[in-house]
Amino acid sequence: MSPQEFKERFKDSDLQFTDKPEKWVGKITRTDTGMVKSITICGKEFKGTDARKLLDLRSSTFTCEYKNDEFVFTVNGYGHGVGMSQYGAEAMAVKGNDYKQILAYYYPGTYLSVYSQN
């Protein structure tokens, strides 16, 4: 991504861009699973999920490097990382897994129960 495109992505964020793009991206903190928890851009901290949306990345598990006069993002995975994969769940269903097996796979350690308002 060119520096101009990068700036355009953050145009509504009230950032002060310097003339040195290599300094625009600062500290990146990560979750235990490697997702970007927060990223500092031009001194302002953004949630990883917000940066993902602004940068139009497919996942919040990414790295950012400035080289050869452009920003290079390496992205791992798809989605927001907080739920089950619709594609993976569908593939499991096609293979014959029922909803209980699918939910157990994506949410280990949980259990299903019947809720009653009585």
PDB file of N, CA and C in Angstrom:
ATOM      1  N   MET A   1       0.848  -1.163   0.000  1.00  0.00           N
ATOM      2  CA  MET A   1       0.000   0.000   0.000  1.00  0.00           C
ATOM      3  C   MET A   1       0.901   1.235   0.000  1.00  0.00           C
ATOM      4  N   SER A   2       0.610   2.159  -0.863  1.00  0.00           N
ATOM      5  CA  SER A   2       1.411   3.383  -0.938  1.00  0.00           C
ATOM      6  C   SER A   2       1.137   4.267   0.283  1.00  0.00           C
ATOM      7  N   PRO A   3       2.075   5.136   0.635  1.00  0.00           N
ATOM      8  CA  PRO A   3       1.837   6.066   1.737  1.00  0.00           C
ATOM      9  C   PRO A   3       0.579   6.919   1.512  1.00  0.00           C
ATOM     10  N   GLN A   4       0.330   7.331   0.266  1.00  0.00           N
ATOM     11  CA  GLN A   4      -0.859   8.134  -0.022  1.00  0.00           C
ATOM     12  C   GLN A   4      -2.138   7.354   0.263  1.00  0.00           C
ATOM     13  N   GLU A   5      -2.181   6.088  -0.144  1.00  0.00           N
ATOM     14  CA  GLU A   5      -3.352   5.254   0.127  1.00  0.00           C
ATOM     15  C   GLU A   5      -3.508   5.019   1.628  1.00  0.00           C
ATOM     16  N   PHE A   6      -2.392   4.798   2.312  1.00  0.00           N
ATOM     17  CA  PHE A   6      -2.419   4.607   3.768  1.00  0.00           C
ATOM     18  C   PHE A   6      -3.049   5.835   4.435  1.00  0.00           C
ATOM     19  N   LYS A   7      -2.599   7.012   4.061  1.00  0.00           N
ATOM     20  CA  LYS A   7      -3.148   8.254   4.615  1.00  0.00           C
ATOM     21  C   LYS A   7      -4.645   8.366   4.325  1.00  0.00           C
ATOM     22  N   GLU A   8      -5.019   7.993   3.127  1.00  0.00           N
ATOM     23  CA  GLU A   8      -6.430   8.073   2.721  1.00  0.00           C
ATOM     24  C   GLU A   8      -7.308   7.177   3.601  1.00  0.00           C
ATOM     25  N   ARG A   9      -6.795   6.026   3.972  1.00  0.00           N
ATOM     26  CA  ARG A   9      -7.558   5.093   4.819  1.00  0.00           C
ATOM     27  C   ARG A   9      -7.861   5.695   6.196  1.00  0.00           C
ATOM     28  N   PHE A  10      -6.989   6.589   6.649  1.00  0.00           N
ATOM     29  CA  PHE A  10      -7.141   7.187   7.979  1.00  0.00           C
ATOM     30  C   PHE A  10      -7.569   8.651   7.921  1.00  0.00           C
ATOM     31  N   LYS A  11      -8.135   9.067   6.795  1.00  0.00           N
ATOM     32  CA  LYS A  11      -8.457  10.482   6.583  1.00  0.00           C
ATOM     33  C   LYS A  11      -9.430  11.040   7.613  1.00  0.00           C
ATOM     34  N   ASP A  12     -10.306  10.211   8.156  1.00  0.00           N
ATOM     35  CA  ASP A  12     -11.288  10.679   9.138  1.00  0.00           C
ATOM     36  C   ASP A  12     -10.822  10.486  10.581  1.00  0.00           C
ATOM     37  N   SER A  13      -9.562  10.165  10.773  1.00  0.00           N
ATOM     38  CA  SER A  13      -9.047   9.842  12.106  1.00  0.00           C
ATOM     39  C   SER A  13      -8.279  10.975  12.763  1.00  0.00           C
ATOM     40  N   ASP A  14      -8.215  12.128  12.126  1.00  0.00           N
ATOM     41  CA  ASP A  14      -7.562  13.309  12.701  1.00  0.00           C
ATOM     42  C   ASP A  14      -6.116  13.037  13.106  1.00  0.00           C
ATOM     43  N   LEU A  15      -5.360  12.433  12.186  1.00  0.00           N
ATOM     44  CA  LEU A  15      -3.953  12.128  12.443  1.00  0.00           C
ATOM     45  C   LEU A  15      -3.060  13.189  11.817  1.00  0.00           C
ATOM     46  N   GLN A  16      -1.907  13.381  12.428  1.00  0.00           N
ATOM     47  CA  GLN A  16      -0.899  14.301  11.908  1.00  0.00           C
ATOM     48  C   GLN A  16       0.230  13.472  11.297  1.00  0.00           C
ATOM     49  N   PHE A  17       0.200  13.313   9.981  1.00  0.00           N
ATOM     50  CA  PHE A  17       1.210  12.526   9.277  1.00  0.00           C
ATOM     51  C   PHE A  17       2.458  13.368   9.046  1.00  0.00           C
ATOM     52  N   THR A  18       3.604  12.795   9.359  1.00  0.00           N
ATOM     53  CA  THR A  18       4.880  13.455   9.104  1.00  0.00           C
ATOM     54  C   THR A  18       5.308  13.139   7.678  1.00  0.00           C
ATOM     55  N   ASP A  19       6.429  13.681   7.267  1.00  0.00           N
ATOM     56  CA  ASP A  19       6.931  13.387   5.928  1.00  0.00           C
ATOM     57  C   ASP A  19       7.780  12.113   5.891  1.00  0.00           C
ATOM     58  N   LYS A  20       7.753  11.331   6.995  1.00  0.00           N
ATOM     59  CA  LYS A  20       8.521  10.085   7.065  1.00  0.00           C
ATOM     60  C   LYS A  20       7.561   8.920   7.327  1.00  0.00           C
ATOM     61  N   PRO A  21       7.017   8.303   6.274  1.00  0.00           N
ATOM     62  CA  PRO A  21       6.050   7.214   6.447  1.00  0.00           C
ATOM     63  C   PRO A  21       6.557   6.064   7.310  1.00  0.00           C
ATOM     64  N   GLU A  22       7.864   5.835   7.298  1.00  0.00           N
ATOM     65  CA  GLU A  22       8.415   4.732   8.100  1.00  0.00           C
ATOM     66  C   GLU A  22       8.208   4.952   9.594  1.00  0.00           C
ATOM     67  N   LYS A  23       7.840   6.163   9.990  1.00  0.00           N
ATOM     68  CA  LYS A  23       7.594   6.486  11.404  1.00  0.00           C
ATOM     69  C   LYS A  23       6.108   6.469  11.764  1.00  0.00           C
ATOM     70  N   TRP A  24       5.221   6.297  10.787  1.00  0.00           N
ATOM     71  CA  TRP A  24       3.786   6.397  11.039  1.00  0.00           C
ATOM     72  C   TRP A  24       3.256   5.266  11.921  1.00  0.00           C
ATOM     73  N   VAL A  25       3.739   4.052  11.724  1.00  0.00           N
ATOM     74  CA  VAL A  25       3.259   2.908  12.500  1.00  0.00           C
ATOM     75  C   VAL A  25       4.185   2.699  13.679  1.00  0.00           C
ATOM     76  N   GLY A  26       3.597   2.730  14.864  1.00  0.00           N
ATOM     77  CA  GLY A  26       4.376   2.563  16.088  1.00  0.00           C
ATOM     78  C   GLY A  26       4.133   1.214  16.731  1.00  0.00           C
ATOM     79  N   LYS A  27       3.893   1.259  18.019  1.00  0.00           N
ATOM     80  CA  LYS A  27       3.758   0.045  18.828  1.00  0.00           C
ATOM     81  C   LYS A  27       2.539  -0.783  18.403  1.00  0.00           C
ATOM     82  N   ILE A  28       2.770  -2.088  18.329  1.00  0.00           N
ATOM     83  CA  ILE A  28       1.698  -3.048  18.064  1.00  0.00           C
ATOM     84  C   ILE A  28       1.666  -4.023  19.231  1.00  0.00           C
ATOM     85  N   THR A  29       0.508  -4.143  19.876  1.00  0.00           N
ATOM     86  CA  THR A  29       0.337  -5.147  20.926  1.00  0.00           C
ATOM     87  C   THR A  29      -0.545  -6.261  20.379  1.00  0.00           C
ATOM     88  N   ARG A  30      -0.304  -7.472  20.871  1.00  0.00           N
ATOM     89  CA  ARG A  30      -1.008  -8.650  20.351  1.00  0.00           C
ATOM     90  C   ARG A  30      -1.686  -9.436  21.463  1.00  0.00           C
ATOM     91  N   THR A  31      -2.718 -10.164  21.069  1.00  0.00           N
ATOM     92  CA  THR A  31      -3.376 -11.088  21.988  1.00  0.00           C
ATOM     93  C   THR A  31      -2.503 -12.343  22.089  1.00  0.00           C
ATOM     94  N   ASP A  32      -2.875 -13.254  22.962  1.00  0.00           N
ATOM     95  CA  ASP A  32      -2.149 -14.518  23.101  1.00  0.00           C
ATOM     96  C   ASP A  32      -2.173 -15.340  21.814  1.00  0.00           C
ATOM     97  N   THR A  33      -3.187 -15.122  20.985  1.00  0.00           N
ATOM     98  CA  THR A  33      -3.302 -15.878  19.733  1.00  0.00           C
ATOM     99  C   THR A  33      -2.638 -15.174  18.559  1.00  0.00           C
ATOM    100  N   GLY A  34      -2.013 -14.016  18.793  1.00  0.00           N
ATOM    101  CA  GLY A  34      -1.279 -13.324  17.746  1.00  0.00           C
ATOM    102  C   GLY A  34      -2.047 -12.239  17.017  1.00  0.00           C
ATOM    103  N   MET A  35      -3.307 -12.060  17.360  1.00  0.00           N
ATOM    104  CA  MET A  35      -4.090 -11.005  16.717  1.00  0.00           C
ATOM    105  C   MET A  35      -3.625  -9.646  17.222  1.00  0.00           C
ATOM    106  N   VAL A  36      -3.735  -8.628  16.377  1.00  0.00           N
ATOM    107  CA  VAL A  36      -3.376  -7.280  16.801  1.00  0.00           C
ATOM    108  C   VAL A  36      -4.446  -6.784  17.767  1.00  0.00           C
ATOM    109  N   LYS A  37      -4.027  -6.522  18.984  1.00  0.00           N
ATOM    110  CA  LYS A  37      -4.925  -5.987  20.006  1.00  0.00           C
ATOM    111  C   LYS A  37      -5.033  -4.475  19.847  1.00  0.00           C
ATOM    112  N   SER A  38      -3.877  -3.838  19.637  1.00  0.00           N
ATOM    113  CA  SER A  38      -3.856  -2.396  19.388  1.00  0.00           C
ATOM    114  C   SER A  38      -2.651  -2.060  18.520  1.00  0.00           C
ATOM    115  N   ILE A  39      -2.785  -0.959  17.811  1.00  0.00           N
ATOM    116  CA  ILE A  39      -1.711  -0.481  16.943  1.00  0.00           C
ATOM    117  C   ILE A  39      -1.697   1.040  17.035  1.00  0.00           C
ATOM    118  N   THR A  40      -0.503   1.593  17.157  1.00  0.00           N
ATOM    119  CA  THR A  40      -0.356   3.043  17.233  1.00  0.00           C
ATOM    120  C   THR A  40       0.021   3.572  15.853  1.00  0.00           C
ATOM    121  N   ILE A  41      -0.772   4.524  15.394  1.00  0.00           N
ATOM    122  CA  ILE A  41      -0.534   5.150  14.103  1.00  0.00           C
ATOM    123  C   ILE A  41      -0.455   6.654  14.316  1.00  0.00           C
ATOM    124  N   CYS A  42       0.685   7.215  13.970  1.00  0.00           N
ATOM    125  CA  CYS A  42       0.936   8.653  14.159  1.00  0.00           C
ATOM    126  C   CYS A  42       0.615   9.096  15.586  1.00  0.00           C
ATOM    127  N   GLY A  43       0.970   8.259  16.552  1.00  0.00           N
ATOM    128  CA  GLY A  43       0.794   8.589  17.953  1.00  0.00           C
ATOM    129  C   GLY A  43      -0.580   8.295  18.518  1.00  0.00           C
ATOM    130  N   LYS A  44      -1.519   7.862  17.708  1.00  0.00           N
ATOM    131  CA  LYS A  44      -2.870   7.549  18.170  1.00  0.00           C
ATOM    132  C   LYS A  44      -3.071   6.046  18.165  1.00  0.00           C
ATOM    133  N   GLU A  45      -3.606   5.538  19.276  1.00  0.00           N
ATOM    134  CA  GLU A  45      -3.819   4.099  19.396  1.00  0.00           C
ATOM    135  C   GLU A  45      -5.177   3.706  18.826  1.00  0.00           C
ATOM    136  N   PHE A  46      -5.163   2.633  18.022  1.00  0.00           N
ATOM    137  CA  PHE A  46      -6.375   2.070  17.438  1.00  0.00           C
ATOM    138  C   PHE A  46      -6.529   0.631  17.899  1.00  0.00           C
ATOM    139  N   LYS A  47      -7.758   0.175  18.094  1.00  0.00           N
ATOM    140  CA  LYS A  47      -7.994  -1.239  18.335  1.00  0.00           C
ATOM    141  C   LYS A  47      -7.621  -1.988  17.063  1.00  0.00           C
ATOM    142  N   GLY A  48      -7.122  -3.197  17.233  1.00  0.00           N
ATOM    143  CA  GLY A  48      -6.737  -4.006  16.079  1.00  0.00           C
ATOM    144  C   GLY A  48      -7.893  -4.229  15.120  1.00  0.00           C
ATOM    145  N   THR A  49      -9.091  -4.452  15.656  1.00  0.00           N
ATOM    146  CA  THR A  49     -10.257  -4.673  14.800  1.00  0.00           C
ATOM    147  C   THR A  49     -10.599  -3.422  14.005  1.00  0.00           C
ATOM    148  N   ASP A  50     -10.424  -2.253  14.615  1.00  0.00           N
ATOM    149  CA  ASP A  50     -10.695  -1.004  13.898  1.00  0.00           C
ATOM    150  C   ASP A  50      -9.666  -0.774  12.797  1.00  0.00           C
ATOM    151  N   ALA A  51      -8.398  -1.042  13.102  1.00  0.00           N
ATOM    152  CA  ALA A  51      -7.346  -0.892  12.089  1.00  0.00           C
ATOM    153  C   ALA A  51      -7.576  -1.867  10.948  1.00  0.00           C
ATOM    154  N   ARG A  52      -7.983  -3.080  11.280  1.00  0.00           N
ATOM    155  CA  ARG A  52      -8.280  -4.080  10.251  1.00  0.00           C
ATOM    156  C   ARG A  52      -9.319  -3.547   9.275  1.00  0.00           C
ATOM    157  N   LYS A  53     -10.373  -2.959   9.810  1.00  0.00           N
ATOM    158  CA  LYS A  53     -11.439  -2.426   8.951  1.00  0.00           C
ATOM    159  C   LYS A  53     -10.948  -1.253   8.118  1.00  0.00           C
ATOM    160  N   LEU A  54     -10.244  -0.334   8.754  1.00  0.00           N
ATOM    161  CA  LEU A  54      -9.755   0.839   8.033  1.00  0.00           C
ATOM    162  C   LEU A  54      -8.777   0.466   6.921  1.00  0.00           C
ATOM    163  N   LEU A  55      -7.963  -0.540   7.180  1.00  0.00           N
ATOM    164  CA  LEU A  55      -6.965  -0.968   6.205  1.00  0.00           C
ATOM    165  C   LEU A  55      -7.504  -1.993   5.208  1.00  0.00           C
ATOM    166  N   ASP A  56      -8.751  -2.421   5.443  1.00  0.00           N
ATOM    167  CA  ASP A  56      -9.411  -3.398   4.581  1.00  0.00           C
ATOM    168  C   ASP A  56      -8.617  -4.700   4.501  1.00  0.00           C
ATOM    169  N   LEU A  57      -8.218  -5.190   5.684  1.00  0.00           N
ATOM    170  CA  LEU A  57      -7.499  -6.459   5.772  1.00  0.00           C
ATOM    171  C   LEU A  57      -8.483  -7.564   6.090  1.00  0.00           C
ATOM    172  N   ARG A  58      -8.187  -8.788   5.717  1.00  0.00           N
ATOM    173  CA  ARG A  58      -9.129  -9.882   5.918  1.00  0.00           C
ATOM    174  C   ARG A  58      -9.112 -10.454   7.336  1.00  0.00           C
ATOM    175  N   SER A  59      -8.118 -10.042   8.143  1.00  0.00           N
ATOM    176  CA  SER A  59      -7.988 -10.562   9.503  1.00  0.00           C
ATOM    177  C   SER A  59      -7.253  -9.552  10.367  1.00  0.00           C
ATOM    178  N   SER A  60      -7.455  -9.673  11.679  1.00  0.00           N
ATOM    179  CA  SER A  60      -6.712  -8.835  12.628  1.00  0.00           C
ATOM    180  C   SER A  60      -5.369  -9.457  12.999  1.00  0.00           C
ATOM    181  N   THR A  61      -5.036 -10.581  12.400  1.00  0.00           N
ATOM    182  CA  THR A  61      -3.734 -11.197  12.608  1.00  0.00           C
ATOM    183  C   THR A  61      -2.849 -10.767  11.438  1.00  0.00           C
ATOM    184  N   PHE A  62      -2.122  -9.676  11.659  1.00  0.00           N
ATOM    185  CA  PHE A  62      -1.309  -9.139  10.581  1.00  0.00           C
ATOM    186  C   PHE A  62      -0.036  -8.501  11.108  1.00  0.00           C
ATOM    187  N   THR A  63       0.926  -8.363  10.211  1.00  0.00           N
ATOM    188  CA  THR A  63       2.132  -7.599  10.488  1.00  0.00           C
ATOM    189  C   THR A  63       2.180  -6.451   9.489  1.00  0.00           C
ATOM    190  N   CYS A  64       2.903  -5.421   9.848  1.00  0.00           N
ATOM    191  CA  CYS A  64       3.040  -4.259   8.979  1.00  0.00           C
ATOM    192  C   CYS A  64       4.505  -3.875   8.924  1.00  0.00           C
ATOM    193  N   GLU A  65       4.987  -3.682   7.709  1.00  0.00           N
ATOM    194  CA  GLU A  65       6.383  -3.320   7.502  1.00  0.00           C
ATOM    195  C   GLU A  65       6.430  -2.243   6.423  1.00  0.00           C
ATOM    196  N   TYR A  66       7.313  -1.279   6.592  1.00  0.00           N
ATOM    197  CA  TYR A  66       7.499  -0.264   5.559  1.00  0.00           C
ATOM    198  C   TYR A  66       8.818  -0.529   4.863  1.00  0.00           C
ATOM    199  N   LYS A  67       8.728  -0.852   3.580  1.00  0.00           N
ATOM    200  CA  LYS A  67       9.956  -1.098   2.813  1.00  0.00           C
ATOM    201  C   LYS A  67       9.713  -0.761   1.347  1.00  0.00           C
ATOM    202  N   ASN A  68      10.760  -0.315   0.701  1.00  0.00           N
ATOM    203  CA  ASN A  68      10.686   0.071  -0.711  1.00  0.00           C
ATOM    204  C   ASN A  68       9.571   1.087  -0.967  1.00  0.00           C
ATOM    205  N   ASP A  69       9.437   2.031  -0.050  1.00  0.00           N
ATOM    206  CA  ASP A  69       8.474   3.123  -0.183  1.00  0.00           C
ATOM    207  C   ASP A  69       7.017   2.685  -0.201  1.00  0.00           C
ATOM    208  N   GLU A  70       6.713   1.577   0.486  1.00  0.00           N
ATOM    209  CA  GLU A  70       5.320   1.156   0.623  1.00  0.00           C
ATOM    210  C   GLU A  70       5.124   0.357   1.891  1.00  0.00           C
ATOM    211  N   PHE A  71       3.879   0.304   2.335  1.00  0.00           N
ATOM    212  CA  PHE A  71       3.517  -0.495   3.495  1.00  0.00           C
ATOM    213  C   PHE A  71       3.179  -1.898   3.014  1.00  0.00           C
ATOM    214  N   VAL A  72       3.772  -2.888   3.662  1.00  0.00           N
ATOM    215  CA  VAL A  72       3.543  -4.280   3.305  1.00  0.00           C
ATOM    216  C   VAL A  72       2.870  -4.951   4.498  1.00  0.00           C
ATOM    217  N   PHE A  73       1.683  -5.493   4.253  1.00  0.00           N
ATOM    218  CA  PHE A  73       0.935  -6.196   5.287  1.00  0.00           C
ATOM    219  C   PHE A  73       0.959  -7.681   4.988  1.00  0.00           C
ATOM    220  N   THR A  74       1.307  -8.463   5.993  1.00  0.00           N
ATOM    221  CA  THR A  74       1.221  -9.907   5.897  1.00  0.00           C
ATOM    222  C   THR A  74       0.088 -10.325   6.815  1.00  0.00           C
ATOM    223  N   VAL A  75      -0.928 -10.945   6.234  1.00  0.00           N
ATOM    224  CA  VAL A  75      -2.155 -11.260   6.966  1.00  0.00           C
ATOM    225  C   VAL A  75      -2.315 -12.767   7.050  1.00  0.00           C
ATOM    226  N   ASN A  76      -2.669 -13.247   8.236  1.00  0.00           N
ATOM    227  CA  ASN A  76      -2.920 -14.670   8.439  1.00  0.00           C
ATOM    228  C   ASN A  76      -4.381 -14.878   8.809  1.00  0.00           C
ATOM    229  N   GLY A  77      -5.037 -15.803   8.132  1.00  0.00           N
ATOM    230  CA  GLY A  77      -6.409 -16.150   8.456  1.00  0.00           C
ATOM    231  C   GLY A  77      -7.435 -15.209   7.860  1.00  0.00           C
ATOM    232  N   TYR A  78      -8.674 -15.452   8.268  1.00  0.00           N
ATOM    233  CA  TYR A  78      -9.815 -14.687   7.799  1.00  0.00           C
ATOM    234  C   TYR A  78     -10.724 -14.379   8.979  1.00  0.00           C
ATOM    235  N   GLY A  79     -11.420 -13.276   8.896  1.00  0.00           N
ATOM    236  CA  GLY A  79     -12.463 -12.974   9.868  1.00  0.00           C
ATOM    237  C   GLY A  79     -11.982 -12.203  11.071  1.00  0.00           C
ATOM    238  N   HIS A  80     -12.904 -12.044  11.991  1.00  0.00           N
ATOM    239  CA  HIS A  80     -12.662 -11.225  13.172  1.00  0.00           C
ATOM    240  C   HIS A  80     -12.026 -11.984  14.311  1.00  0.00           C
ATOM    241  N   GLY A  81     -12.016 -13.310  14.238  1.00  0.00           N
ATOM    242  CA  GLY A  81     -11.334 -14.108  15.237  1.00  0.00           C
ATOM    243  C   GLY A  81     -12.070 -14.299  16.538  1.00  0.00           C
ATOM    244  N   VAL A  82     -13.362 -14.014  16.556  1.00  0.00           N
ATOM    245  CA  VAL A  82     -14.099 -14.156  17.810  1.00  0.00           C
ATOM    246  C   VAL A  82     -15.262 -15.130  17.706  1.00  0.00           C
ATOM    247  N   GLY A  83     -15.263 -15.947  16.700  1.00  0.00           N
ATOM    248  CA  GLY A  83     -16.358 -16.902  16.561  1.00  0.00           C
ATOM    249  C   GLY A  83     -15.990 -18.010  15.612  1.00  0.00           C
ATOM    250  N   MET A  84     -17.018 -18.751  15.222  1.00  0.00           N
ATOM    251  CA  MET A  84     -16.741 -19.879  14.345  1.00  0.00           C
ATOM    252  C   MET A  84     -16.709 -19.450  12.886  1.00  0.00           C
ATOM    253  N   SER A  85     -15.961 -20.188  12.125  1.00  0.00           N
ATOM    254  CA  SER A  85     -15.880 -19.968  10.688  1.00  0.00           C
ATOM    255  C   SER A  85     -17.129 -20.540  10.038  1.00  0.00           C
ATOM    256  N   GLN A  86     -17.850 -19.729   9.306  1.00  0.00           N
ATOM    257  CA  GLN A  86     -19.037 -20.215   8.610  1.00  0.00           C
ATOM    258  C   GLN A  86     -18.661 -21.269   7.579  1.00  0.00           C
ATOM    259  N   TYR A  87     -17.522 -21.064   6.907  1.00  0.00           N
ATOM    260  CA  TYR A  87     -17.084 -22.031   5.904  1.00  0.00           C
ATOM    261  C   TYR A  87     -16.658 -23.339   6.558  1.00  0.00           C
ATOM    262  N   GLY A  88     -15.943 -23.218   7.669  1.00  0.00           N
ATOM    263  CA  GLY A  88     -15.523 -24.428   8.378  1.00  0.00           C
ATOM    264  C   GLY A  88     -16.698 -25.191   8.945  1.00  0.00           C
ATOM    265  N   ALA A  89     -17.677 -24.475   9.501  1.00  0.00           N
ATOM    266  CA  ALA A  89     -18.869 -25.122  10.050  1.00  0.00           C
ATOM    267  C   ALA A  89     -19.655 -25.821   8.939  1.00  0.00           C
ATOM    268  N   GLU A  90     -19.756 -25.171   7.799  1.00  0.00           N
ATOM    269  CA  GLU A  90     -20.464 -25.784   6.677  1.00  0.00           C
ATOM    270  C   GLU A  90     -19.753 -27.058   6.219  1.00  0.00           C
ATOM    271  N   ALA A  91     -18.419 -26.991   6.142  1.00  0.00           N
ATOM    272  CA  ALA A  91     -17.659 -28.174   5.732  1.00  0.00           C
ATOM    273  C   ALA A  91     -17.873 -29.320   6.717  1.00  0.00           C
ATOM    274  N   MET A  92     -17.906 -29.023   8.005  1.00  0.00           N
ATOM    275  CA  MET A  92     -18.152 -30.057   9.009  1.00  0.00           C
ATOM    276  C   MET A  92     -19.549 -30.642   8.838  1.00  0.00           C
ATOM    277  N   ALA A  93     -20.541 -29.789   8.557  1.00  0.00           N
ATOM    278  CA  ALA A  93     -21.923 -30.259   8.369  1.00  0.00           C
ATOM    279  C   ALA A  93     -22.020 -31.167   7.141  1.00  0.00           C
ATOM    280  N   VAL A  94     -21.348 -30.785   6.069  1.00  0.00           N
ATOM    281  CA  VAL A  94     -21.347 -31.603   4.847  1.00  0.00           C
ATOM    282  C   VAL A  94     -20.754 -32.983   5.136  1.00  0.00           C
ATOM    283  N   LYS A  95     -19.787 -33.035   6.045  1.00  0.00           N
ATOM    284  CA  LYS A  95     -19.159 -34.316   6.403  1.00  0.00           C
ATOM    285  C   LYS A  95     -20.006 -35.124   7.383  1.00  0.00           C
ATOM    286  N   GLY A  96     -21.143 -34.550   7.806  1.00  0.00           N
ATOM    287  CA  GLY A  96     -22.052 -35.303   8.664  1.00  0.00           C
ATOM    288  C   GLY A  96     -22.074 -34.900  10.122  1.00  0.00           C
ATOM    289  N   ASN A  97     -21.321 -33.897  10.510  1.00  0.00           N
ATOM    290  CA  ASN A  97     -21.347 -33.441  11.903  1.00  0.00           C
ATOM    291  C   ASN A  97     -22.652 -32.696  12.169  1.00  0.00           C
ATOM    292  N   ASP A  98     -23.216 -32.905  13.350  1.00  0.00           N
ATOM    293  CA  ASP A  98     -24.430 -32.164  13.702  1.00  0.00           C
ATOM    294  C   ASP A  98     -24.049 -30.872  14.418  1.00  0.00           C
ATOM    295  N   TYR A  99     -25.040 -30.041  14.730  1.00  0.00           N
ATOM    296  CA  TYR A  99     -24.753 -28.732  15.328  1.00  0.00           C
ATOM    297  C   TYR A  99     -24.037 -28.853  16.668  1.00  0.00           C
ATOM    298  N   LYS A 100     -24.316 -29.902  17.433  1.00  0.00           N
ATOM    299  CA  LYS A 100     -23.654 -30.064  18.725  1.00  0.00           C
ATOM    300  C   LYS A 100     -22.152 -30.319  18.537  1.00  0.00           C
ATOM    301  N   GLN A 101     -21.811 -31.142  17.578  1.00  0.00           N
ATOM    302  CA  GLN A 101     -20.403 -31.430  17.299  1.00  0.00           C
ATOM    303  C   GLN A 101     -19.680 -30.190  16.770  1.00  0.00           C
ATOM    304  N   ILE A 102     -20.360 -29.446  15.912  1.00  0.00           N
ATOM    305  CA  ILE A 102     -19.759 -28.236  15.353  1.00  0.00           C
ATOM    306  C   ILE A 102     -19.517 -27.207  16.448  1.00  0.00           C
ATOM    307  N   LEU A 103     -20.509 -26.986  17.295  1.00  0.00           N
ATOM    308  CA  LEU A 103     -20.345 -26.017  18.391  1.00  0.00           C
ATOM    309  C   LEU A 103     -19.267 -26.466  19.366  1.00  0.00           C
ATOM    310  N   ALA A 104     -19.197 -27.758  19.660  1.00  0.00           N
ATOM    311  CA  ALA A 104     -18.167 -28.274  20.569  1.00  0.00           C
ATOM    312  C   ALA A 104     -16.767 -28.069  19.985  1.00  0.00           C
ATOM    313  N   TYR A 105     -16.645 -28.199  18.673  1.00  0.00           N
ATOM    314  CA  TYR A 105     -15.351 -28.005  18.016  1.00  0.00           C
ATOM    315  C   TYR A 105     -14.907 -26.543  18.126  1.00  0.00           C
ATOM    316  N   TYR A 106     -15.802 -25.616  17.854  1.00  0.00           N
ATOM    317  CA  TYR A 106     -15.440 -24.197  17.851  1.00  0.00           C
ATOM    318  C   TYR A 106     -15.424 -23.560  19.244  1.00  0.00           C
ATOM    319  N   TYR A 107     -16.152 -24.147  20.168  1.00  0.00           N
ATOM    320  CA  TYR A 107     -16.219 -23.585  21.520  1.00  0.00           C
ATOM    321  C   TYR A 107     -15.938 -24.683  22.545  1.00  0.00           C
ATOM    322  N   PRO A 108     -14.683 -25.181  22.570  1.00  0.00           N
ATOM    323  CA  PRO A 108     -14.347 -26.273  23.494  1.00  0.00           C
ATOM    324  C   PRO A 108     -14.525 -25.835  24.949  1.00  0.00           C
ATOM    325  N   GLY A 109     -14.962 -26.775  25.768  1.00  0.00           N
ATOM    326  CA  GLY A 109     -15.141 -26.491  27.191  1.00  0.00           C
ATOM    327  C   GLY A 109     -16.492 -25.896  27.525  1.00  0.00           C
ATOM    328  N   THR A 110     -17.331 -25.687  26.528  1.00  0.00           N
ATOM    329  CA  THR A 110     -18.677 -25.154  26.778  1.00  0.00           C
ATOM    330  C   THR A 110     -19.681 -26.291  26.710  1.00  0.00           C
ATOM    331  N   TYR A 111     -20.898 -26.022  27.143  1.00  0.00           N
ATOM    332  CA  TYR A 111     -21.941 -27.032  27.046  1.00  0.00           C
ATOM    333  C   TYR A 111     -23.248 -26.367  26.638  1.00  0.00           C
ATOM    334  N   LEU A 112     -24.111 -27.170  26.033  1.00  0.00           N
ATOM    335  CA  LEU A 112     -25.426 -26.695  25.605  1.00  0.00           C
ATOM    336  C   LEU A 112     -26.442 -27.041  26.674  1.00  0.00           C
ATOM    337  N   SER A 113     -27.381 -26.158  26.869  1.00  0.00           N
ATOM    338  CA  SER A 113     -28.479 -26.445  27.782  1.00  0.00           C
ATOM    339  C   SER A 113     -29.751 -25.835  27.228  1.00  0.00           C
ATOM    340  N   VAL A 114     -30.868 -26.272  27.746  1.00  0.00           N
ATOM    341  CA  VAL A 114     -32.161 -25.759  27.324  1.00  0.00           C
ATOM    342  C   VAL A 114     -32.553 -24.626  28.264  1.00  0.00           C
ATOM    343  N   TYR A 115     -32.913 -23.513  27.698  1.00  0.00           N
ATOM    344  CA  TYR A 115     -33.334 -22.370  28.492  1.00  0.00           C
ATOM    345  C   TYR A 115     -34.846 -22.332  28.555  1.00  0.00           C
ATOM    346  N   SER A 116     -35.369 -22.160  29.732  1.00  0.00           N
ATOM    347  CA  SER A 116     -36.807 -22.067  29.912  1.00  0.00           C
ATOM    348  C   SER A 116     -37.116 -20.840  30.745  1.00  0.00           C
ATOM    349  N   GLN A 117     -38.164 -20.118  30.345  1.00  0.00           N
ATOM    350  CA  GLN A 117     -38.558 -18.931  31.094  1.00  0.00           C
ATOM    351  C   GLN A 117     -39.515 -19.250  32.230  1.00  0.00           C
ATOM    352  N   ASN A 118     -39.838 -20.518  32.417  1.00  0.00           N
ATOM    353  CA  ASN A 118     -40.784 -20.909  33.487  1.00  0.00           C
ATOM    354  C   ASN A 118     -40.155 -20.894  34.834  1.00  0.00           C
TER     355      ASN A 118
END
